C-alpha atoms as a PDB file:
ATOM      1  CA  MET A   1      -9.444   3.245   9.632  1.00  0.00           C
ATOM      2  CA  GLU A   2      -9.533   6.915   8.717  1.00  0.00           C
ATOM      3  CA  LEU A   3      -6.291   8.749   8.013  1.00  0.00           C
ATOM      4  CA  SER A   4      -6.610  10.947  11.112  1.00  0.00           C
ATOM      5  CA  ALA A   5      -7.135   7.884  13.329  1.00  0.00           C
ATOM      6  CA  PHE A   6      -4.223   6.066  11.685  1.00  0.00           C
ATOM      7  CA  ILE A   7      -1.875   9.003  12.284  1.00  0.00           C
ATOM      8  CA  ALA A   8      -3.063   9.377  15.895  1.00  0.00           C
ATOM      9  CA  VAL A   9      -2.467   5.691  16.601  1.00  0.00           C
ATOM     10  CA  LEU A  10       0.911   5.739  14.840  1.00  0.00           C
ATOM     11  CA  THR A  11       1.967   8.808  16.816  1.00  0.00           C
ATOM     12  CA  GLY A  12       0.947   7.139  20.059  1.00  0.00           C
ATOM     13  CA  GLY A  13       2.943   4.048  19.107  1.00  0.00           C
ATOM     14  CA  LEU A  14       6.051   6.086  18.358  1.00  0.00           C
ATOM     15  CA  VAL A  15       5.795   7.892  21.690  1.00  0.00           C
ATOM     16  CA  LEU A  16       5.430   4.532  23.440  1.00  0.00           C
ATOM     17  CA  GLY A  17       8.472   3.320  21.524  1.00  0.00           C
ATOM     18  CA  VAL A  18      10.556   6.179  22.890  1.00  0.00           C
ATOM     19  CA  LEU A  19       9.533   5.309  26.446  1.00  0.00           C
ATOM     20  CA  TYR A  20      10.020   1.560  25.929  1.00  0.00           C
ATOM     21  CA  SER A  21      13.504   2.069  24.506  1.00  0.00           C
ATOM     22  CA  LEU A  22      14.523   3.800  27.720  1.00  0.00           C
ATOM     23  CA  MET A  23      12.873   1.111  29.846  1.00  0.00           C
ATOM     24  CA  ALA A  24      14.553  -1.734  27.963  1.00  0.00           C
ATOM     25  CA  PHE A  25      18.035  -0.323  27.395  1.00  0.00           C
ATOM     26  CA  GLY A  26      19.200  -0.788  30.977  1.00  0.00           C
ATOM     27  CA  LEU A  27      17.787  -4.297  31.128  1.00  0.00           C
ATOM     28  CA  ALA A  28      19.572  -5.194  27.882  1.00  0.00           C
ATOM     29  CA  LEU A  29      22.815  -3.658  29.156  1.00  0.00           C
ATOM     30  CA  VAL A  30      22.851  -5.884  32.257  1.00  0.00           C
ATOM     31  CA  TRP A  31      21.755  -8.927  30.285  1.00  0.00           C
ATOM     32  CA  THR A  32      24.522  -8.381  27.728  1.00  0.00           C
ATOM     33  CA  THR A  33      27.362  -7.471  30.076  1.00  0.00           C
ATOM     34  CA  LEU A  34      26.714  -9.671  33.106  1.00  0.00           C
ATOM     35  CA  GLY A  35      24.780 -12.429  31.356  1.00  0.00           C
ATOM     36  CA  ILE A  36      21.902 -12.296  33.864  1.00  0.00           C
ATOM     37  CA  PHE A  37      18.315 -11.084  33.923  1.00  0.00           C
ATOM     38  CA  ASN A  38      17.634  -8.419  36.538  1.00  0.00           C
ATOM     39  CA  PHE A  39      14.169  -9.075  37.962  1.00  0.00           C
ATOM     40  CA  ALA A  40      14.501  -5.930  40.086  1.00  0.00           C
ATOM     41  CA  HIS A  41      14.427  -3.714  36.993  1.00  0.00           C
ATOM     42  CA  GLY A  42      10.727  -2.989  37.467  1.00  0.00           C
ATOM     43  CA  ALA A  43      11.321  -2.108  41.116  1.00  0.00           C
ATOM     44  CA  PHE A  44      14.086   0.296  40.028  1.00  0.00           C
ATOM     45  CA  ILE A  45      11.582   2.029  37.740  1.00  0.00           C
ATOM     46  CA  VAL A  46       9.111   2.378  40.608  1.00  0.00           C
ATOM     47  CA  LEU A  47      11.755   3.648  43.023  1.00  0.00           C
ATOM     48  CA  GLY A  48      12.951   6.213  40.497  1.00  0.00           C
ATOM     49  CA  ALA A  49       9.399   7.477  40.052  1.00  0.00           C
ATOM     50  CA  TYR A  50       8.891   7.906  43.790  1.00  0.00           C
ATOM     51  CA  ILE A  51      12.254   9.624  44.312  1.00  0.00           C
ATOM     52  CA  ALA A  52      11.390  12.083  41.530  1.00  0.00           C
ATOM     53  CA  TRP A  53       7.968  12.709  43.066  1.00  0.00           C
ATOM     54  CA  GLN A  54       9.530  13.344  46.480  1.00  0.00           C
ATOM     55  CA  ILE A  55      12.085  15.791  45.104  1.00  0.00           C
ATOM     56  CA  GLY A  56      10.052  17.605  42.471  1.00  0.00           C
ATOM     57  CA  ASN A  57       6.370  17.782  43.324  1.00  0.00           C
ATOM     58  CA  PRO A  58       4.862  20.775  45.147  1.00  0.00           C
ATOM     59  CA  ASP A  59       3.282  18.375  47.656  1.00  0.00           C
ATOM     60  CA  ALA A  60       6.794  17.228  48.693  1.00  0.00           C
ATOM     61  CA  PHE A  61      10.118  19.127  48.422  1.00  0.00           C
ATOM     62  CA  GLY A  62       8.961  21.085  45.379  1.00  0.00           C
ATOM     63  CA  LEU A  63      12.357  21.556  43.686  1.00  0.00           C
ATOM     64  CA  GLY A  64      10.994  21.153  40.170  1.00  0.00           C
ATOM     65  CA  PHE A  65      11.068  18.519  37.472  1.00  0.00           C
ATOM     66  CA  LEU A  66      14.589  18.985  36.103  1.00  0.00           C
ATOM     67  CA  VAL A  67      16.189  18.919  39.554  1.00  0.00           C
ATOM     68  CA  SER A  68      14.173  15.840  40.501  1.00  0.00           C
ATOM     69  CA  ALA A  69      15.195  14.050  37.286  1.00  0.00           C
ATOM     70  CA  VAL A  70      18.899  14.749  37.846  1.00  0.00           C
ATOM     71  CA  VAL A  71      18.737  13.722  41.508  1.00  0.00           C
ATOM     72  CA  THR A  72      16.829  10.576  40.573  1.00  0.00           C
ATOM     73  CA  VAL A  73      19.412   9.507  37.988  1.00  0.00           C
ATOM     74  CA  ILE A  74      22.297  10.037  40.434  1.00  0.00           C
ATOM     75  CA  ALA A  75      20.510   8.329  43.324  1.00  0.00           C
ATOM     76  CA  MET A  76      19.494   5.342  41.211  1.00  0.00           C
ATOM     77  CA  PHE A  77      23.052   4.923  39.917  1.00  0.00           C
ATOM     78  CA  VAL A  78      24.303   4.669  43.512  1.00  0.00           C
ATOM     79  CA  ILE A  79      21.464   2.308  44.448  1.00  0.00           C
ATOM     80  CA  GLY A  80      22.232   0.130  41.428  1.00  0.00           C
ATOM     81  CA  VAL A  81      25.899  -0.142  42.393  1.00  0.00           C
ATOM     82  CA  ILE A  82      24.961  -1.089  45.975  1.00  0.00           C
ATOM     83  CA  PHE A  83      22.406  -3.582  44.682  1.00  0.00           C
ATOM     84  CA  GLN A  84      24.999  -5.240  42.448  1.00  0.00           C
ATOM     85  CA  PHE A  85      27.561  -5.361  45.250  1.00  0.00           C
ATOM     86  CA  LEU A  86      25.155  -7.000  47.706  1.00  0.00           C
ATOM     87  CA  LEU A  87      23.045  -9.316  45.547  1.00  0.00           C
ATOM     88  CA  VAL A  88      25.013 -10.104  42.372  1.00  0.00           C
ATOM     89  CA  LYS A  89      28.748  -9.805  43.043  1.00  0.00           C
ATOM     90  CA  PRO A  90      28.882 -12.653  45.639  1.00  0.00           C
ATOM     91  CA  PHE A  91      27.709 -15.088  42.937  1.00  0.00           C
ATOM     92  CA  GLU A  92      29.725 -13.898  39.923  1.00  0.00           C
ATOM     93  CA  ARG A  93      32.027 -16.918  39.857  1.00  0.00           C
ATOM     94  CA  LYS A  94      29.364 -19.498  40.674  1.00  0.00           C
ATOM     95  CA  PRO A  95      28.510 -21.959  37.887  1.00  0.00           C
ATOM     96  CA  ASN A  96      24.767 -21.474  38.517  1.00  0.00           C
ATOM     97  CA  ILE A  97      24.902 -17.674  38.642  1.00  0.00           C
ATOM     98  CA  VAL A  98      21.840 -17.258  36.413  1.00  0.00           C
ATOM     99  CA  LEU A  99      19.564 -19.177  38.780  1.00  0.00           C
ATOM    100  CA  LEU A 100      21.077 -17.566  41.870  1.00  0.00           C
ATOM    101  CA  THR A 101      20.654 -14.042  40.550  1.00  0.00           C
ATOM    102  CA  VAL A 102      17.064 -14.770  39.553  1.00  0.00           C
ATOM    103  CA  ILE A 103      16.419 -15.552  43.215  1.00  0.00           C
ATOM    104  CA  THR A 104      18.429 -12.653  44.633  1.00  0.00           C
ATOM    105  CA  THR A 105      17.075  -9.992  42.263  1.00  0.00           C
ATOM    106  CA  LEU A 106      13.506 -11.192  42.871  1.00  0.00           C
ATOM    107  CA  ALA A 107      14.149 -10.973  46.604  1.00  0.00           C
ATOM    108  CA  GLY A 108      15.712  -7.531  46.200  1.00  0.00           C
ATOM    109  CA  ALA A 109      12.724  -6.344  44.163  1.00  0.00           C
ATOM    110  CA  THR A 110      10.348  -7.549  46.874  1.00  0.00           C
ATOM    111  CA  VAL A 111      12.323  -5.686  49.528  1.00  0.00           C
ATOM    112  CA  LEU A 112      12.391  -2.474  47.457  1.00  0.00           C
ATOM    113  CA  ILE A 113       8.643  -2.580  46.759  1.00  0.00           C
ATOM    114  CA  ASN A 114       7.851  -3.103  50.429  1.00  0.00           C
ATOM    115  CA  LEU A 115      10.172  -0.254  51.412  1.00  0.00           C
ATOM    116  CA  ILE A 116       8.404   2.002  48.922  1.00  0.00           C
ATOM    117  CA  ASN A 117       5.080   0.965  50.409  1.00  0.00           C
ATOM    118  CA  VAL A 118       6.291   1.768  53.908  1.00  0.00           C
ATOM    119  CA  MET A 119       7.899   5.105  52.994  1.00  0.00           C
ATOM    120  CA  TRP A 120       5.280   6.546  50.633  1.00  0.00           C
ATOM    121  CA  GLY A 121       2.186   4.471  51.322  1.00  0.00           C
ATOM    122  CA  PRO A 122      -0.185   2.706  48.909  1.00  0.00           C
ATOM    123  CA  ARG A 123      -2.071   5.812  47.756  1.00  0.00           C
ATOM    124  CA  SER A 124      -1.534   6.755  44.113  1.00  0.00           C
ATOM    125  CA  LYS A 125       0.588   9.771  43.179  1.00  0.00           C
ATOM    126  CA  GLN A 126       1.615  11.511  39.977  1.00  0.00           C
ATOM    127  CA  ILE A 127       4.638  13.529  38.922  1.00  0.00           C
ATOM    128  CA  VAL A 128       3.929  17.021  37.621  1.00  0.00           C
ATOM    129  CA  LEU A 129       5.794  17.875  34.413  1.00  0.00           C
ATOM    130  CA  PRO A 130       6.538  21.538  33.619  1.00  0.00           C
ATOM    131  CA  ALA A 131       5.212  21.528  30.052  1.00  0.00           C
ATOM    132  CA  SER A 132       1.599  22.086  29.042  1.00  0.00           C
ATOM    133  CA  GLY A 133      -0.424  22.303  25.854  1.00  0.00           C
ATOM    134  CA  ASP A 134       0.012  20.482  22.553  1.00  0.00           C
ATOM    135  CA  LEU A 135       2.657  20.306  19.845  1.00  0.00           C
ATOM    136  CA  SER A 136       1.703  19.723  16.224  1.00  0.00           C
ATOM    137  CA  LEU A 137       3.660  19.026  13.043  1.00  0.00           C
ATOM    138  CA  GLY A 138       1.251  18.717  10.193  1.00  0.00           C
ATOM    139  CA  LEU A 139      -1.150  15.918  11.013  1.00  0.00           C
ATOM    140  CA  PHE A 140       1.019  14.657  13.890  1.00  0.00           C
ATOM    141  CA  ARG A 141       0.066  15.970  17.316  1.00  0.00           C
ATOM    142  CA  ILE A 142       1.414  15.153  20.757  1.00  0.00           C
ATOM    143  CA  THR A 143       1.224  16.818  24.128  1.00  0.00           C
ATOM    144  CA  ALA A 144       4.018  19.106  25.269  1.00  0.00           C
ATOM    145  CA  ASN A 145       4.833  16.632  28.049  1.00  0.00           C
ATOM    146  CA  GLU A 146       5.269  13.865  25.482  1.00  0.00           C
ATOM    147  CA  GLY A 147       7.449  16.170  23.404  1.00  0.00           C
ATOM    148  CA  LEU A 148       9.624  16.860  26.446  1.00  0.00           C
ATOM    149  CA  MET A 149       9.930  13.128  27.087  1.00  0.00           C
ATOM    150  CA  VAL A 150      10.893  12.445  23.454  1.00  0.00           C
ATOM    151  CA  LEU A 151      13.544  15.168  23.573  1.00  0.00           C
ATOM    152  CA  ILE A 152      15.118  14.023  26.860  1.00  0.00           C
ATOM    153  CA  VAL A 153      15.067  10.316  25.969  1.00  0.00           C
ATOM    154  CA  THR A 154      16.525  10.968  22.514  1.00  0.00           C
ATOM    155  CA  LEU A 155      19.364  13.012  23.999  1.00  0.00           C
ATOM    156  CA  THR A 156      19.928  10.344  26.662  1.00  0.00           C
ATOM    157  CA  LEU A 157      20.132   7.473  24.187  1.00  0.00           C
ATOM    158  CA  ALA A 158      22.350   9.466  21.821  1.00  0.00           C
ATOM    159  CA  THR A 159      24.687  10.229  24.710  1.00  0.00           C
ATOM    160  CA  LEU A 160      24.728   6.562  25.694  1.00  0.00           C
ATOM    161  CA  GLY A 161      25.580   5.568  22.143  1.00  0.00           C
ATOM    162  CA  TRP A 162      28.482   8.001  22.102  1.00  0.00           C
ATOM    163  CA  PHE A 163      29.572   6.780  25.539  1.00  0.00           C
ATOM    164  CA  LEU A 164      29.595   3.099  24.559  1.00  0.00           C
ATOM    165  CA  LEU A 165      31.292   3.638  21.212  1.00  0.00           C
ATOM    166  CA  LYS A 166      33.778   6.443  21.847  1.00  0.00           C
ATOM    167  CA  THR A 167      34.840   6.574  25.500  1.00  0.00           C
ATOM    168  CA  PRO A 168      37.412   4.268  27.125  1.00  0.00           C
ATOM    169  CA  LEU A 169      34.954   3.242  29.858  1.00  0.00           C
ATOM    170  CA  GLY A 170      32.235   2.467  27.334  1.00  0.00           C
ATOM    171  CA  ARG A 171      34.621   0.414  25.209  1.00  0.00           C
ATOM    172  CA  SER A 172      35.753  -1.441  28.314  1.00  0.00           C
ATOM    173  CA  MET A 173      32.143  -2.308  29.135  1.00  0.00           C
ATOM    174  CA  ARG A 174      31.659  -3.626  25.614  1.00  0.00           C
ATOM    175  CA  ALA A 175      34.870  -5.635  25.886  1.00  0.00           C
ATOM    176  CA  VAL A 176      33.698  -7.272  29.112  1.00  0.00           C
ATOM    177  CA  ALA A 177      30.373  -8.067  27.461  1.00  0.00           C
ATOM    178  CA  GLN A 178      32.152  -9.800  24.580  1.00  0.00           C
ATOM    179  CA  ASN A 179      34.649 -11.820  26.619  1.00  0.00           C
ATOM    180  CA  ARG A 180      35.163 -11.479  30.365  1.00  0.00           C
ATOM    181  CA  GLU A 181      38.318 -13.608  30.519  1.00  0.00           C
ATOM    182  CA  ALA A 182      40.034 -11.769  27.674  1.00  0.00           C
ATOM    183  CA  ALA A 183      39.104  -8.442  29.259  1.00  0.00           C
ATOM    184  CA  GLN A 184      40.706  -9.536  32.540  1.00  0.00           C
ATOM    185  CA  LEU A 185      43.858 -10.631  30.731  1.00  0.00           C
ATOM    186  CA  MET A 186      44.036  -7.169  29.171  1.00  0.00           C
ATOM    187  CA  GLY A 187      44.039  -5.647  32.655  1.00  0.00           C
ATOM    188  CA  LEU A 188      40.459  -4.356  32.809  1.00  0.00           C
ATOM    189  CA  ASN A 189      38.841  -4.098  36.238  1.00  0.00           C
ATOM    190  CA  VAL A 190      35.894  -6.403  35.569  1.00  0.00           C
ATOM    191  CA  PRO A 191      34.181  -6.075  39.002  1.00  0.00           C
ATOM    192  CA  LEU A 192      34.269  -2.285  38.706  1.00  0.00           C
ATOM    193  CA  LEU A 193      32.854  -2.430  35.182  1.00  0.00           C
ATOM    194  CA  TYR A 194      30.085  -4.764  36.329  1.00  0.00           C
ATOM    195  CA  ALA A 195      29.166  -2.333  39.104  1.00  0.00           C
ATOM    196  CA  ALA A 196      29.201   0.611  36.670  1.00  0.00           C
ATOM    197  CA  THR A 197      26.990  -1.309  34.250  1.00  0.00           C
ATOM    198  CA  PHE A 198      24.457  -2.141  36.941  1.00  0.00           C
ATOM    199  CA  GLY A 199      24.486   1.438  38.193  1.00  0.00           C
ATOM    200  CA  LEU A 200      23.960   2.805  34.682  1.00  0.00           C
ATOM    201  CA  ALA A 201      21.076   0.387  34.104  1.00  0.00           C
ATOM    202  CA  ALA A 202      19.450   1.451  37.381  1.00  0.00           C
ATOM    203  CA  ALA A 203      19.879   5.131  36.457  1.00  0.00           C
ATOM    204  CA  LEU A 204      18.124   4.541  33.120  1.00  0.00           C
ATOM    205  CA  ALA A 205      15.345   2.651  34.893  1.00  0.00           C
ATOM    206  CA  GLY A 206      14.953   5.535  37.314  1.00  0.00           C
ATOM    207  CA  LEU A 207      14.673   8.047  34.462  1.00  0.00           C
ATOM    208  CA  ALA A 208      12.064   5.829  32.810  1.00  0.00           C
ATOM    209  CA  GLY A 209      10.180   5.830  36.118  1.00  0.00           C
ATOM    210  CA  VAL A 210      10.143   9.634  36.083  1.00  0.00           C
ATOM    211  CA  PHE A 211       8.258   9.670  32.781  1.00  0.00           C
ATOM    212  CA  ILE A 212       5.998   6.743  33.628  1.00  0.00           C
ATOM    213  CA  GLY A 213       5.040   8.493  36.859  1.00  0.00           C
ATOM    214  CA  SER A 214       4.116  11.589  34.857  1.00  0.00           C
ATOM    215  CA  ILE A 215       1.755   9.889  32.405  1.00  0.00           C
ATOM    216  CA  ARG A 216       0.002   7.521  34.812  1.00  0.00           C
ATOM    217  CA  PHE A 217      -0.730   7.313  38.493  1.00  0.00           C
ATOM    218  CA  MET A 218       2.078   5.783  40.545  1.00  0.00           C
ATOM    219  CA  THR A 219       1.578   2.884  42.932  1.00  0.00           C
ATOM    220  CA  PRO A 220       4.203   0.705  44.646  1.00  0.00           C
ATOM    221  CA  ASN A 221       3.179  -2.256  42.486  1.00  0.00           C
ATOM    222  CA  MET A 222       3.268  -0.534  39.109  1.00  0.00           C
ATOM    223  CA  GLY A 223       6.635  -2.039  38.115  1.00  0.00           C
ATOM    224  CA  ASP A 224       5.341  -5.362  36.794  1.00  0.00           C
ATOM    225  CA  ASP A 225       4.038  -3.989  33.494  1.00  0.00           C
ATOM    226  CA  PRO A 226       7.232  -2.015  32.634  1.00  0.00           C
ATOM    227  CA  LEU A 227       9.319  -5.097  33.456  1.00  0.00           C
ATOM    228  CA  GLN A 228       7.213  -7.253  31.131  1.00  0.00           C
ATOM    229  CA  LYS A 229       7.368  -4.681  28.329  1.00  0.00           C
ATOM    230  CA  ALA A 230      11.129  -4.328  28.718  1.00  0.00           C
ATOM    231  CA  LEU A 231      11.493  -8.118  28.596  1.00  0.00           C
ATOM    232  CA  VAL A 232       9.428  -8.328  25.411  1.00  0.00           C
ATOM    233  CA  VAL A 233      11.491  -5.565  23.810  1.00  0.00           C
ATOM    234  CA  VAL A 234      14.828  -7.171  24.689  1.00  0.00           C
ATOM    235  CA  ILE A 235      13.763 -10.615  23.477  1.00  0.00           C
ATOM    236  CA  LEU A 236      12.315  -9.273  20.231  1.00  0.00           C
ATOM    237  CA  GLY A 237      15.279  -7.063  19.453  1.00  0.00           C
ATOM    238  CA  GLY A 238      18.138  -9.130  20.776  1.00  0.00           C
ATOM    239  CA  VAL A 239      21.248  -7.700  22.390  1.00  0.00           C
ATOM    240  CA  ALA A 240      23.875  -8.023  19.664  1.00  0.00           C
ATOM    241  CA  ARG A 241      24.092  -4.246  19.247  1.00  0.00           C
ATOM    242  CA  PHE A 242      23.144  -1.444  21.590  1.00  0.00           C
ATOM    243  CA  THR A 243      20.651  -0.201  18.974  1.00  0.00           C
ATOM    244  CA  SER A 244      18.775  -3.514  18.799  1.00  0.00           C
ATOM    245  CA  PRO A 245      16.496  -2.863  21.823  1.00  0.00           C
ATOM    246  CA  ILE A 246      15.784   0.648  20.498  1.00  0.00           C
ATOM    247  CA  TYR A 247      14.540  -0.691  17.156  1.00  0.00           C
ATOM    248  CA  ALA A 248      12.478  -3.328  18.933  1.00  0.00           C
ATOM    249  CA  ALA A 249      11.024  -0.754  21.335  1.00  0.00           C
ATOM    250  CA  PHE A 250       9.536   1.234  18.461  1.00  0.00           C
ATOM    251  CA  LEU A 251       8.225  -1.974  16.888  1.00  0.00           C
ATOM    252  CA  VAL A 252       6.567  -2.994  20.166  1.00  0.00           C
ATOM    253  CA  GLY A 253       5.149   0.490  20.707  1.00  0.00           C
ATOM    254  CA  ILE A 254       3.578   0.594  17.244  1.00  0.00           C
ATOM    255  CA  ILE A 255       2.225  -2.961  17.528  1.00  0.00           C
ATOM    256  CA  GLU A 256       0.773  -2.198  20.948  1.00  0.00           C
ATOM    257  CA  ALA A 257      -0.889   0.994  19.746  1.00  0.00           C
ATOM    258  CA  PHE A 258      -2.528  -0.653  16.724  1.00  0.00           C
ATOM    259  CA  SER A 259      -3.453  -3.787  18.696  1.00  0.00           C
ATOM    260  CA  THR A 260      -5.161  -1.645  21.315  1.00  0.00           C
ATOM    261  CA  TYR A 261      -7.102   0.109  18.570  1.00  0.00           C
ATOM    262  CA  ALA A 262      -8.021  -3.147  16.794  1.00  0.00           C
ATOM    263  CA  VAL A 263      -8.647  -5.702  19.561  1.00  0.00           C
ATOM    264  CA  GLY A 264      -8.732  -3.633  22.733  1.00  0.00           C
ATOM    265  CA  LEU A 265      -6.479  -3.090  25.712  1.00  0.00           C
ATOM    266  CA  TYR A 266      -7.328  -6.471  27.255  1.00  0.00           C
ATOM    267  CA  TRP A 267      -5.980  -8.572  24.364  1.00  0.00           C
ATOM    268  CA  THR A 268      -2.946  -6.440  23.514  1.00  0.00           C
ATOM    269  CA  PRO A 269      -0.558  -8.167  25.985  1.00  0.00           C
ATOM    270  CA  ALA A 270      -1.527 -11.517  24.464  1.00  0.00           C
ATOM    271  CA  VAL A 271      -0.618 -10.221  20.993  1.00  0.00           C
ATOM    272  CA  LEU A 272       2.791  -9.093  22.225  1.00  0.00           C
ATOM    273  CA  PHE A 273       3.547 -12.368  24.000  1.00  0.00           C
ATOM    274  CA  VAL A 274       2.470 -14.449  20.988  1.00  0.00           C
ATOM    275  CA  LEU A 275       4.847 -12.376  18.865  1.00  0.00           C
ATOM    276  CA  MET A 276       7.621 -12.857  21.426  1.00  0.00           C
ATOM    277  CA  ILE A 277       7.130 -16.639  21.457  1.00  0.00           C
ATOM    278  CA  ALA A 278       7.164 -16.730  17.659  1.00  0.00           C
ATOM    279  CA  VAL A 279      10.452 -14.831  17.560  1.00  0.00           C
ATOM    280  CA  LEU A 280      11.969 -17.159  20.156  1.00  0.00           C
ATOM    281  CA  VAL A 281      11.031 -20.145  18.009  1.00  0.00           C
ATOM    282  CA  VAL A 282      12.085 -18.749  14.639  1.00  0.00           C
ATOM    283  CA  LYS A 283      14.958 -16.389  15.517  1.00  0.00           C
ATOM    284  CA  PRO A 284      15.974 -16.809  19.159  1.00  0.00           C
ATOM    285  CA  GLU A 285      18.800 -14.265  18.896  1.00  0.00           C
ATOM    286  CA  GLY A 286      16.195 -11.560  18.192  1.00  0.00           C
ATOM    287  CA  LEU A 287      14.953  -9.754  15.111  1.00  0.00           C
ATOM    288  CA  PHE A 288      17.929  -7.367  15.131  1.00  0.00           C
ATOM    289  CA  GLY A 289      20.422  -9.679  16.796  1.00  0.00           C
ATOM    290  CA  ARG A 290      23.367 -11.792  15.836  1.00  0.00           C
ATOM    291  CA  ARG A 291      24.324 -15.133  17.267  1.00  0.00           C
ATOM    292  CA  GLU A 292      27.299 -13.951  19.242  1.00  0.00           C
ATOM    293  CA  ARG A 293      26.736 -12.000  22.485  1.00  0.00           C
ATOM    294  CA  SER A 294      27.982  -8.415  22.363  1.00  0.00           C
ATOM    295  CA  VAL A 295      26.850  -4.884  23.109  1.00  0.00           C
END
């Protein structure tokens, strides 16, 4: 591989890693705090993309990208809270909550996808980003749209890190993730924190949908691939620290980019899933995880 090709592939992998970190962070947050896997995460990504298209694109309301992104994040937070209240909260104290929420979140995802199909139709759409042209730093070159995505996602994740580590609400969410019973004994409102966690995860999924809808054509069924990638990232990285999925996202992005170059797009998912299975066998808590469950 020539140096120029190597740098191009590496750059593409790093950009994918930025996007995957945003896709996986919300999934890891719910998994860590509530102890469940949200199968509607992919549907949240799709819904966020379509809300942003409706608000921002000239073919719809035409309010611009930044307005559409802000509206999408707020709307998805509210939708996430409602989703948690209707489909997760009734089963919080059940001994088989994991199985029940698998069923309810799958059902909720099916309902959301069908609603999207009814409201926006099956025809493909794409979000228009305001940036154009290319950005270059030495041998590294990305499009201006990718640069905008990297900037926004970096600021978002940095803000989330500050929120989880420094604010009372963020510390409360981490406390609930570590020990629900102890958090209740300390007077924390666990149901409210669960709802806030689910809403925050949905908001992050919606923001990820905004960027996915800008780099590929949107369809109501496009959420399966982001859900699979987010799952791979979370399993590879683990959920012991909030940075674990971020590290794993960059690892997955780089592996995917080089696998696509080496063996083609068709075999790349197989490479990722073989790696995921190997990690589950050798280090089930994840490459960057610890054995105890925490944020």
